[in-house]
Amino acid sequence: MTTFKQAIIDALEKKYEAQRSEAEANIKVYMEKPVGVGDHINIVETIDKEMQKISKANEMLEELANWR
């Protein structure tokens, strides 16, 4: 049986993994199909923001491991 604590940790882990996956997918699109993202004038800045999201998600996953 899953405890409340485990359910919360599992949900947060999925959330952070999804955030990381979303940012990785965005970066892939920006790098491989820049024509499709014409509303992003500064592509380097946009990718930098996505990299920050990945870094933050990884940081949160590392911290979450301490609560297991």
Protein backbone atom coordinates (compact mmCIF):
# COMPACT_ATOMS: atom_id res chain seq x y z
CA MET A 1 0.00 0.00 0.00
CA THR A 2 1.30 3.44 -0.93
CA THR A 3 1.61 5.92 1.90
CA PHE A 4 0.61 9.56 1.56
CA LYS A 5 4.27 10.52 1.68
CA GLN A 6 5.15 8.09 -1.11
CA ALA A 7 2.21 9.26 -3.23
CA ILE A 8 3.33 12.89 -2.92
CA ILE A 9 6.96 12.05 -3.69
CA ASP A 10 5.90 9.98 -6.72
CA ALA A 11 3.69 12.78 -8.02
CA LEU A 12 6.43 15.37 -7.62
CA GLU A 13 8.94 13.10 -9.31
CA LYS A 14 6.64 12.71 -12.32
CA LYS A 15 6.05 16.46 -12.40
CA TYR A 16 9.78 17.30 -12.47
CA GLU A 17 10.50 14.59 -15.03
CA ALA A 18 7.74 15.99 -17.25
CA GLN A 19 9.12 19.52 -16.91
CA ARG A 20 12.55 18.27 -17.92
CA SER A 21 11.16 16.29 -20.87
CA GLU A 22 9.16 19.27 -22.09
CA ALA A 23 12.19 21.55 -22.01
CA GLU A 24 14.34 18.93 -23.78
CA ALA A 25 11.71 18.56 -26.51
CA ASN A 26 11.54 22.34 -26.95
CA ILE A 27 15.31 22.57 -27.29
CA LYS A 28 15.29 19.80 -29.88
CA VAL A 29 12.69 21.68 -31.92
CA TYR A 30 14.59 24.98 -31.63
CA MET A 31 17.84 23.32 -32.69
CA GLU A 32 16.52 21.15 -35.50
CA LYS A 33 13.58 23.15 -36.87
CA PRO A 34 14.22 26.85 -36.11
CA VAL A 35 11.99 27.89 -39.02
CA GLY A 36 8.99 26.57 -37.11
CA VAL A 37 9.56 28.89 -34.18
CA GLY A 38 9.53 32.26 -35.90
CA ASP A 39 8.10 34.11 -32.91
CA HIS A 40 11.37 33.54 -30.99
CA ILE A 41 13.67 36.27 -32.23
CA ASN A 42 16.52 35.45 -29.88
CA ILE A 43 16.85 31.69 -30.18
CA VAL A 44 19.93 31.53 -27.93
CA GLU A 45 18.09 33.27 -25.10
CA THR A 46 15.08 31.02 -25.60
CA ILE A 47 17.22 27.88 -25.46
CA ASP A 48 19.00 29.25 -22.39
CA LYS A 49 15.64 29.54 -20.62
CA GLU A 50 14.83 25.94 -21.51
CA MET A 51 18.24 24.84 -20.21
CA GLN A 52 17.49 26.62 -16.94
CA LYS A 53 14.22 24.67 -16.70
CA ILE A 54 16.14 21.41 -17.15
CA SER A 55 18.66 22.44 -14.52
CA LYS A 56 15.92 23.36 -12.06
CA ALA A 57 14.03 20.10 -12.67
CA ASN A 58 17.22 18.09 -12.14
CA GLU A 59 17.92 20.04 -8.95
CA MET A 60 14.43 19.34 -7.65
CA LEU A 61 14.75 15.62 -8.47
CA GLU A 62 18.03 15.47 -6.58
CA GLU A 63 16.50 17.17 -3.57
CA LEU A 64 13.44 14.96 -3.74
CA ALA A 65 15.69 11.90 -3.48
CA ASN A 66 16.65 13.13 0.00
CA TRP A 67 13.01 12.81 1.11
CA ARG A 68 12.60 9.16 0.13
